[in-house]
Amino acid sequence: MTRQARRTALTLIALPLLIGACNRGPGPQSMELTASAYTLRASETKDYAPGIAAWGDKLEPGMKAIAVSRDLIDEGLGHMTEVRIEGLEGTYIVRDKMNKRWEKKIDIFMGMDVERAREWGKRTVTIHWTNPPEE
């Protein structure tokens, strides 16, 4: 392989990686990740304050809320970010954050519907959100 051919091959490999790294800027974003579900049961939230999310929001049945793994906060999925989840209707709001052990993951809030949460299980989904312009 010639030197020029190697450079071209490296460029073709590196370009998608560079584009992915630039996905963190302002404007529309999307990401494929793991999504599970959670409910208001004390065992799934804080035993001492069920229904109170990590940012202090009061979760109530019927809310379209998600919890995000903490690595996603740096991607622009901070508190009160609006998120669309492919395959689900409506817009979900980031109202909770997950334990530090999780990465590239969201939990979809399902109120008190334990059966629905179990039925959801764990899936790979694509989410969409918009990062605000940098100041």
Protein backbone atom coordinates (compact mmCIF):
# COMPACT_ATOMS: atom_id res chain seq x y z
CA MET A 1 0.00 0.00 0.00
CA THR A 2 1.41 3.40 -0.93
CA ARG A 3 1.90 6.18 1.57
CA GLN A 4 -0.94 8.16 -0.04
CA ALA A 5 -3.28 5.16 0.13
CA ARG A 6 -2.48 4.71 3.85
CA ARG A 7 -3.21 8.40 4.51
CA THR A 8 -6.51 8.15 2.65
CA ALA A 9 -7.46 5.00 4.58
CA LEU A 10 -6.60 6.64 7.92
CA THR A 11 -8.62 9.72 6.99
CA LEU A 12 -11.63 7.57 6.12
CA ILE A 13 -11.34 5.80 9.46
CA ALA A 14 -10.73 8.94 11.56
CA LEU A 15 -13.33 11.23 9.96
CA PRO A 16 -16.42 9.53 11.46
CA LEU A 17 -14.74 9.54 14.87
CA LEU A 18 -14.06 13.26 14.60
CA ILE A 19 -17.61 13.96 13.46
CA GLY A 20 -18.97 11.96 16.43
CA ALA A 21 -16.77 13.93 18.83
CA CYS A 22 -18.18 17.17 17.42
CA ASN A 23 -21.77 16.02 18.10
CA ARG A 24 -21.63 17.72 21.51
CA GLY A 25 -22.04 21.26 20.24
CA PRO A 26 -25.18 23.35 20.09
CA GLY A 27 -28.13 22.20 18.03
CA PRO A 28 -29.90 18.90 17.39
CA GLN A 29 -28.28 15.79 18.86
CA SER A 30 -29.06 12.09 18.82
CA MET A 31 -27.65 9.00 20.45
CA GLU A 32 -28.30 5.28 20.61
CA LEU A 33 -28.21 3.92 24.15
CA THR A 34 -29.75 1.48 26.61
CA ALA A 35 -33.15 2.33 28.12
CA SER A 36 -34.73 0.61 31.07
CA ALA A 37 -37.75 1.65 33.13
CA TYR A 38 -38.37 2.56 36.74
CA THR A 39 -41.34 3.29 39.00
CA LEU A 40 -42.13 5.12 42.22
CA ARG A 41 -41.47 2.07 44.36
CA ALA A 42 -39.13 2.93 47.24
CA SER A 43 -36.75 0.15 46.17
CA GLU A 44 -36.26 1.92 42.80
CA THR A 45 -35.96 5.45 44.12
CA LYS A 46 -34.76 6.72 47.48
CA ASP A 47 -36.08 4.62 50.37
CA TYR A 48 -36.22 7.68 52.61
CA ALA A 49 -37.90 9.96 50.04
CA PRO A 50 -39.75 7.98 47.37
CA GLY A 51 -40.74 10.13 44.42
CA ILE A 52 -38.05 12.77 44.97
CA ALA A 53 -35.58 12.74 42.09
CA ALA A 54 -31.86 13.47 42.41
CA TRP A 55 -32.33 17.11 41.33
CA GLY A 56 -35.17 17.50 43.85
CA ASP A 57 -38.08 17.17 41.40
CA LYS A 58 -41.24 15.53 42.73
CA LEU A 59 -42.09 12.63 40.40
CA GLU A 60 -45.78 11.83 39.98
CA PRO A 61 -47.62 9.19 37.94
CA GLY A 62 -48.35 10.39 34.42
CA MET A 63 -45.21 12.50 34.10
CA LYS A 64 -43.06 11.92 31.03
CA ALA A 65 -39.73 11.92 32.82
CA ILE A 66 -36.40 10.17 32.45
CA ALA A 67 -33.30 9.65 34.53
CA VAL A 68 -29.94 9.86 32.77
CA SER A 69 -26.59 8.29 33.54
CA ARG A 70 -24.21 10.99 34.72
CA ASP A 71 -21.93 10.75 31.66
CA LEU A 72 -24.87 11.97 29.55
CA ILE A 73 -25.07 15.24 31.48
CA ASP A 74 -21.78 16.24 29.82
CA GLU A 75 -23.41 15.44 26.45
CA GLY A 76 -26.06 18.10 27.07
CA LEU A 77 -28.70 15.97 28.79
CA GLY A 78 -28.88 18.05 31.94
CA HIS A 79 -31.79 18.82 34.23
CA MET A 80 -35.01 19.78 32.40
CA THR A 81 -33.68 18.90 28.92
CA GLU A 82 -36.47 17.85 26.56
CA VAL A 83 -35.88 14.44 24.94
CA ARG A 84 -37.70 12.51 22.23
CA ILE A 85 -37.39 8.72 22.40
CA GLU A 86 -37.89 6.92 19.10
CA GLY A 87 -40.86 4.56 19.38
CA LEU A 88 -42.55 6.50 22.20
CA GLU A 89 -45.01 9.35 21.85
CA GLY A 90 -44.37 12.80 23.22
CA THR A 91 -41.47 14.57 24.82
CA TYR A 92 -39.77 13.41 28.00
CA ILE A 93 -38.03 15.71 30.47
CA VAL A 94 -34.75 14.90 32.23
CA ARG A 95 -35.75 15.11 35.90
CA ASP A 96 -33.49 12.55 37.53
CA LYS A 97 -29.94 11.23 37.35
CA MET A 98 -28.75 7.70 37.91
CA ASN A 99 -26.13 6.14 40.13
CA LYS A 100 -22.54 6.79 39.01
CA ARG A 101 -22.06 3.13 38.07
CA TRP A 102 -24.22 3.49 34.92
CA GLU A 103 -23.00 4.80 31.58
CA LYS A 104 -24.77 5.62 28.31
CA LYS A 105 -28.16 4.72 29.79
CA ILE A 106 -31.55 6.24 30.54
CA ASP A 107 -34.38 5.10 32.80
CA ILE A 108 -37.90 5.92 31.66
CA PHE A 109 -40.26 6.83 34.50
CA MET A 110 -43.46 4.77 34.51
CA GLY A 111 -45.21 6.05 37.63
CA MET A 112 -46.65 3.17 39.67
CA ASP A 113 -47.06 0.78 36.71
CA VAL A 114 -44.65 -1.99 37.72
CA GLU A 115 -46.08 -4.39 35.14
CA ARG A 116 -45.49 -1.90 32.31
CA ALA A 117 -41.94 -1.25 33.54
CA ARG A 118 -41.19 -4.99 33.61
CA GLU A 119 -42.74 -5.38 30.16
CA TRP A 120 -40.46 -2.61 28.85
CA GLY A 121 -37.42 -4.38 30.29
CA LYS A 122 -34.17 -3.18 28.78
CA ARG A 123 -33.95 -2.02 25.17
CA THR A 124 -31.69 -0.14 22.84
CA VAL A 125 -33.30 3.13 21.75
CA THR A 126 -32.34 6.28 19.89
CA ILE A 127 -33.00 9.57 21.62
CA HIS A 128 -33.03 13.12 20.25
CA TRP A 129 -32.54 16.45 22.01
CA THR A 130 -31.27 19.93 21.27
CA ASN A 131 -28.31 21.50 23.01
CA PRO A 132 -28.69 25.25 23.55
CA PRO A 133 -26.28 27.65 21.82
CA GLU A 134 -23.05 28.21 23.69
CA GLU A 135 -22.80 31.54 25.46
